[in-house]
């Protein structure tokens, strides 16, 4: 994987953040994305640092440009700058997460007999997908309020604007209910695709549904001419090794900081 491919991944993520935003505000060293319709979604209401910036000044910058929001979220896309920013942001009360950029370097999986991945159609996420994601969101966040769960589920609608083609993929059980799902963002002209939010409902874990969705996403990306296929995983969470066993290799890191 070349340094140029890593930059293509970073550029794709930055472009996706801008295109799906309800509003973009330029700030020193980066930009702020806002989406008032999904105000509880930190993904859609955060500060992106993309260029030269003073690590010591980031807490003050975030407080200035996000003063009207109840949370703070900062993504630093340059790995070295992100590491330099850790001390100042942790002193300011931020939690730090290292995000690993994983490129698919293994073979594209062939279709299996049990593979039932399909595209979700319509102007917004399909009702079955909404039901599955909502149920799992409550399992992950049992103490959340209705507005938070609503925003985290419905924000998929905003994601449709983030790339040339956005697909919501799902694997179904024998009754037709959705067992596992993922987003697929395609930019065929650039030859880049991102797989995002691969998840399986708790009642369906360890039954191959996640593999089916991931394999289907990889095949669709390859068929669209996207030779550079990637996803993002938390460095300290178990999916990192799960993806590694499925042909993904770490090619870079970004840094995310949150304060509530």
Protein backbone atom coordinates (compact mmCIF):
# COMPACT_ATOMS: atom_id res chain seq x y z
CA UNK A 1 0.00 0.00 0.00
CA UNK A 2 1.58 3.28 -1.10
CA UNK A 3 1.61 6.58 0.75
CA UNK A 4 -0.49 7.90 -2.13
CA UNK A 5 -3.20 5.31 -1.39
CA UNK A 6 -3.24 6.37 2.27
CA UNK A 7 -3.74 9.97 1.18
CA UNK A 8 -6.56 8.87 -1.15
CA UNK A 9 -8.30 7.25 1.81
CA UNK A 10 -7.90 10.38 3.93
CA UNK A 11 -9.14 12.58 1.08
CA UNK A 12 -12.16 10.32 0.62
CA UNK A 13 -13.09 10.59 4.31
CA UNK A 14 -12.73 14.36 4.28
CA UNK A 15 -14.83 14.65 1.13
CA UNK A 16 -17.49 12.37 2.59
CA UNK A 17 -17.72 14.46 5.76
CA UNK A 18 -18.17 17.65 3.77
CA UNK A 19 -20.69 16.28 1.28
CA UNK A 20 -23.04 14.75 3.85
CA UNK A 21 -23.00 17.80 6.10
CA UNK A 22 -25.98 20.08 6.46
CA UNK A 23 -23.55 23.00 6.85
CA UNK A 24 -19.78 23.38 6.57
CA UNK A 25 -17.87 26.18 8.28
CA UNK A 26 -14.19 26.74 7.48
CA UNK A 27 -11.98 27.20 10.54
CA UNK A 28 -8.20 27.58 11.00
CA UNK A 29 -6.61 24.23 10.20
CA UNK A 30 -9.80 22.51 9.11
CA UNK A 31 -13.58 22.74 9.02
CA UNK A 32 -16.66 22.26 11.18
CA UNK A 33 -19.54 20.10 9.96
CA UNK A 34 -23.05 20.60 11.29
CA UNK A 35 -26.35 18.88 10.73
CA UNK A 36 -29.07 20.34 12.94
CA UNK A 37 -31.52 17.58 11.95
CA UNK A 38 -29.23 15.02 13.62
CA UNK A 39 -27.80 17.13 16.42
CA UNK A 40 -27.09 14.12 18.68
CA UNK A 41 -24.93 12.50 16.00
CA UNK A 42 -21.35 13.49 16.77
CA UNK A 43 -20.36 12.21 13.33
CA UNK A 44 -22.44 15.01 11.79
CA UNK A 45 -21.53 17.72 14.30
CA UNK A 46 -17.78 17.78 14.74
CA UNK A 47 -14.52 19.58 14.03
CA UNK A 48 -12.21 18.10 11.38
CA UNK A 49 -8.55 19.11 11.52
CA UNK A 50 -6.95 18.61 8.12
CA UNK A 51 -4.01 20.97 7.91
CA UNK A 52 -1.34 22.61 10.01
CA UNK A 53 -2.65 23.41 13.49
CA UNK A 54 -1.35 24.21 16.94
CA UNK A 55 -2.07 21.16 19.15
CA UNK A 56 -2.15 23.33 22.27
CA UNK A 57 -4.75 25.58 20.67
CA UNK A 58 -7.23 22.87 19.68
CA UNK A 59 -9.27 22.88 22.95
CA UNK A 60 -9.78 26.64 22.69
CA UNK A 61 -10.63 26.42 18.98
CA UNK A 62 -13.21 23.70 19.63
CA UNK A 63 -14.81 25.68 22.45
CA UNK A 64 -15.02 28.72 20.21
CA UNK A 65 -16.53 27.13 17.11
CA UNK A 66 -18.72 24.53 18.92
CA UNK A 67 -19.88 26.76 21.79
CA UNK A 68 -23.55 26.22 20.92
CA UNK A 69 -23.26 22.41 21.02
CA UNK A 70 -23.53 20.27 24.18
CA UNK A 71 -20.59 18.08 23.12
CA UNK A 72 -17.15 18.40 21.61
CA UNK A 73 -15.85 16.06 18.90
CA UNK A 74 -12.60 16.52 17.00
CA UNK A 75 -11.09 14.29 14.32
CA UNK A 76 -7.44 14.92 13.46
CA UNK A 77 -6.72 13.32 10.09
CA UNK A 78 -2.93 13.62 10.22
CA UNK A 79 -1.47 10.82 12.36
CA UNK A 80 1.53 12.76 13.65
CA UNK A 81 -0.51 15.87 14.50
CA UNK A 82 -3.09 13.70 16.22
CA UNK A 83 -0.46 12.17 18.50
CA UNK A 84 0.94 15.61 19.31
CA UNK A 85 -2.59 16.77 20.22
CA UNK A 86 -3.22 14.05 22.80
CA UNK A 87 -1.68 15.77 25.87
CA UNK A 88 -3.45 19.11 25.43
CA UNK A 89 -6.83 17.58 24.66
CA UNK A 90 -6.66 15.04 27.48
CA UNK A 91 -5.82 17.87 29.90
CA UNK A 92 -8.95 19.60 28.61
CA UNK A 93 -11.08 16.56 29.48
CA UNK A 94 -11.23 14.83 26.11
CA UNK A 95 -11.30 11.07 25.60
CA UNK A 96 -8.90 9.89 22.90
CA UNK A 97 -9.57 7.08 20.42
CA UNK A 98 -7.10 5.93 17.77
CA UNK A 99 -8.86 4.99 14.54
CA UNK A 100 -7.05 2.49 12.30
CA UNK A 101 -7.46 2.84 8.54
CA UNK A 102 -7.64 -0.67 7.10
CA UNK A 103 -7.25 -1.39 3.38
CA UNK A 104 -8.43 -4.65 1.88
CA UNK A 105 -5.36 -6.45 0.52
CA UNK A 106 -6.71 -9.98 0.35
CA UNK A 107 -8.69 -11.64 -2.46
CA UNK A 108 -12.27 -10.56 -3.08
CA UNK A 109 -14.49 -13.32 -1.62
CA UNK A 110 -16.62 -15.35 -3.97
CA UNK A 111 -20.38 -15.63 -3.52
CA UNK A 112 -21.46 -18.32 -1.06
CA UNK A 113 -24.67 -20.34 -1.17
CA UNK A 114 -25.89 -18.71 2.05
CA UNK A 115 -25.01 -15.17 1.02
CA UNK A 116 -28.22 -13.14 0.99
CA UNK A 117 -26.86 -9.61 0.88
CA UNK A 118 -29.04 -7.14 -0.95
CA UNK A 119 -29.29 -3.44 -1.60
CA UNK A 120 -31.78 -1.40 0.42
CA UNK A 121 -33.75 0.84 -1.92
CA UNK A 122 -35.78 4.00 -1.43
CA UNK A 123 -35.08 7.65 -0.58
CA UNK A 124 -34.19 6.73 3.01
CA UNK A 125 -33.25 3.57 4.92
CA UNK A 126 -35.72 0.74 4.42
CA UNK A 127 -38.20 0.02 7.22
CA UNK A 128 -36.69 -3.38 8.02
CA UNK A 129 -33.23 -1.86 8.33
CA UNK A 130 -34.53 0.93 10.52
CA UNK A 131 -36.17 -1.58 12.82
CA UNK A 132 -33.03 -3.71 13.14
CA UNK A 133 -30.70 -0.77 13.72
CA UNK A 134 -33.05 0.79 16.27
CA UNK A 135 -33.31 -2.42 18.26
CA UNK A 136 -29.54 -2.85 18.34
CA UNK A 137 -28.95 0.81 19.20
CA UNK A 138 -31.10 0.38 22.31
CA UNK A 139 -29.05 -2.70 23.25
CA UNK A 140 -25.84 -0.69 22.93
CA UNK A 141 -27.25 2.39 24.71
CA UNK A 142 -30.01 1.27 27.12
CA UNK A 143 -29.85 4.57 29.04
CA UNK A 144 -30.11 6.83 26.00
CA UNK A 145 -33.11 9.05 25.34
CA UNK A 146 -35.44 8.80 22.35
CA UNK A 147 -33.90 11.76 20.52
CA UNK A 148 -30.39 10.31 20.68
CA UNK A 149 -31.45 6.92 19.34
CA UNK A 150 -33.56 8.58 16.65
CA UNK A 151 -30.64 10.68 15.41
CA UNK A 152 -28.18 7.78 15.42
CA UNK A 153 -30.57 5.63 13.38
CA UNK A 154 -31.91 8.22 10.95
CA UNK A 155 -28.54 9.81 10.15
CA UNK A 156 -28.13 7.22 7.41
CA UNK A 157 -30.38 9.42 5.30
CA UNK A 158 -27.75 12.18 5.39
CA UNK A 159 -25.03 9.74 4.36
CA UNK A 160 -26.65 9.29 0.94
CA UNK A 161 -25.12 12.61 -0.09
CA UNK A 162 -21.60 11.67 0.97
CA UNK A 163 -20.46 9.72 -2.10
CA UNK A 164 -21.34 9.10 -5.73
CA UNK A 165 -23.23 5.97 -4.72
CA UNK A 166 -24.26 4.92 -1.21
CA UNK A 167 -25.69 1.45 -0.60
CA UNK A 168 -27.21 0.01 2.55
CA UNK A 169 -26.57 -3.73 2.56
CA UNK A 170 -28.18 -6.39 4.73
CA UNK A 171 -28.24 -10.11 5.38
CA UNK A 172 -31.60 -11.61 6.35
CA UNK A 173 -32.60 -14.55 8.49
CA UNK A 174 -35.03 -17.25 7.35
CA UNK A 175 -38.03 -15.12 8.35
CA UNK A 176 -36.89 -12.08 6.37
CA UNK A 177 -35.72 -10.03 9.35
CA UNK A 178 -32.40 -8.22 9.01
CA UNK A 179 -29.64 -9.94 10.95
CA UNK A 180 -26.58 -7.94 9.86
CA UNK A 181 -26.00 -4.74 7.92
CA UNK A 182 -23.37 -2.34 6.57
CA UNK A 183 -22.99 0.88 4.60
CA UNK A 184 -21.04 0.93 1.34
CA UNK A 185 -19.80 4.24 -0.08
CA UNK A 186 -18.59 4.12 -3.69
CA UNK A 187 -16.59 6.61 -5.78
CA UNK A 188 -15.94 4.63 -8.98
CA UNK A 189 -14.33 7.59 -10.74
CA UNK A 190 -11.69 7.73 -8.00
CA UNK A 191 -11.52 3.96 -7.62
CA UNK A 192 -12.18 4.17 -3.86
CA UNK A 193 -14.82 2.53 -1.68
CA UNK A 194 -15.44 2.62 2.06
CA UNK A 195 -17.30 -0.03 4.05
CA UNK A 196 -18.77 1.40 7.22
CA UNK A 197 -20.78 0.30 10.27
CA UNK A 198 -20.66 -3.44 9.75
CA UNK A 199 -22.93 -4.64 12.57
CA UNK A 200 -24.90 -7.70 13.58
CA UNK A 201 -27.93 -7.78 15.86
CA UNK A 202 -27.14 -9.56 19.12
CA UNK A 203 -29.61 -12.43 18.52
CA UNK A 204 -27.67 -13.31 15.33
CA UNK A 205 -24.05 -13.21 16.49
CA UNK A 206 -21.53 -15.88 15.43
CA UNK A 207 -23.75 -17.28 12.69
CA UNK A 208 -21.93 -15.89 9.64
CA UNK A 209 -24.22 -12.95 8.88
CA UNK A 210 -21.48 -10.36 9.35
CA UNK A 211 -19.21 -12.29 6.99
CA UNK A 212 -21.97 -12.36 4.40
CA UNK A 213 -22.47 -8.60 4.51
CA UNK A 214 -18.76 -7.82 4.44
CA UNK A 215 -18.14 -10.22 1.54
CA UNK A 216 -21.06 -8.74 -0.39
CA UNK A 217 -19.73 -5.22 0.14
CA UNK A 218 -16.27 -6.20 -1.09
CA UNK A 219 -17.70 -7.83 -4.22
CA UNK A 220 -19.88 -4.84 -5.02
CA UNK A 221 -16.94 -2.46 -4.55
CA UNK A 222 -14.72 -4.54 -6.82
CA UNK A 223 -17.45 -4.77 -9.46
CA UNK A 224 -17.76 -0.97 -9.39
CA UNK A 225 -14.08 -0.64 -10.24
CA UNK A 226 -12.98 0.41 -6.73
CA UNK A 227 -9.59 -1.25 -6.31
CA UNK A 228 -8.90 0.69 -3.12
CA UNK A 229 -11.36 -0.65 -0.54
CA UNK A 230 -11.08 0.39 3.08
CA UNK A 231 -12.81 0.67 6.43
CA UNK A 232 -12.08 2.23 9.83
CA UNK A 233 -11.81 0.39 13.16
CA UNK A 234 -11.09 1.35 16.77
CA UNK A 235 -7.51 0.36 17.61
CA UNK A 236 -8.58 -0.99 21.02
CA UNK A 237 -11.71 -2.89 19.97
CA UNK A 238 -12.08 -6.53 18.88
CA UNK A 239 -13.26 -5.92 15.28
CA UNK A 240 -9.70 -4.89 14.40
CA UNK A 241 -8.48 -8.49 14.56
CA UNK A 242 -11.72 -9.76 12.98
CA UNK A 243 -11.07 -7.60 9.91
CA UNK A 244 -7.43 -8.67 9.87
CA UNK A 245 -8.50 -12.29 9.44
CA UNK A 246 -10.59 -11.23 6.46
CA UNK A 247 -7.86 -9.65 4.38
CA UNK A 248 -7.64 -6.11 5.81
CA UNK A 249 -4.28 -4.49 6.62
CA UNK A 250 -3.58 -1.37 8.68
CA UNK A 251 -2.24 1.43 6.47
CA UNK A 252 -2.56 4.48 8.71
CA UNK A 253 -4.20 6.05 11.73
CA UNK A 254 -6.28 9.07 12.58
CA UNK A 255 -7.23 10.36 16.01
CA UNK A 256 -10.63 11.18 17.44
CA UNK A 257 -11.29 13.20 20.60
CA UNK A 258 -14.61 13.56 22.45
CA UNK A 259 -15.86 15.48 25.45
CA UNK A 260 -19.40 15.45 26.80
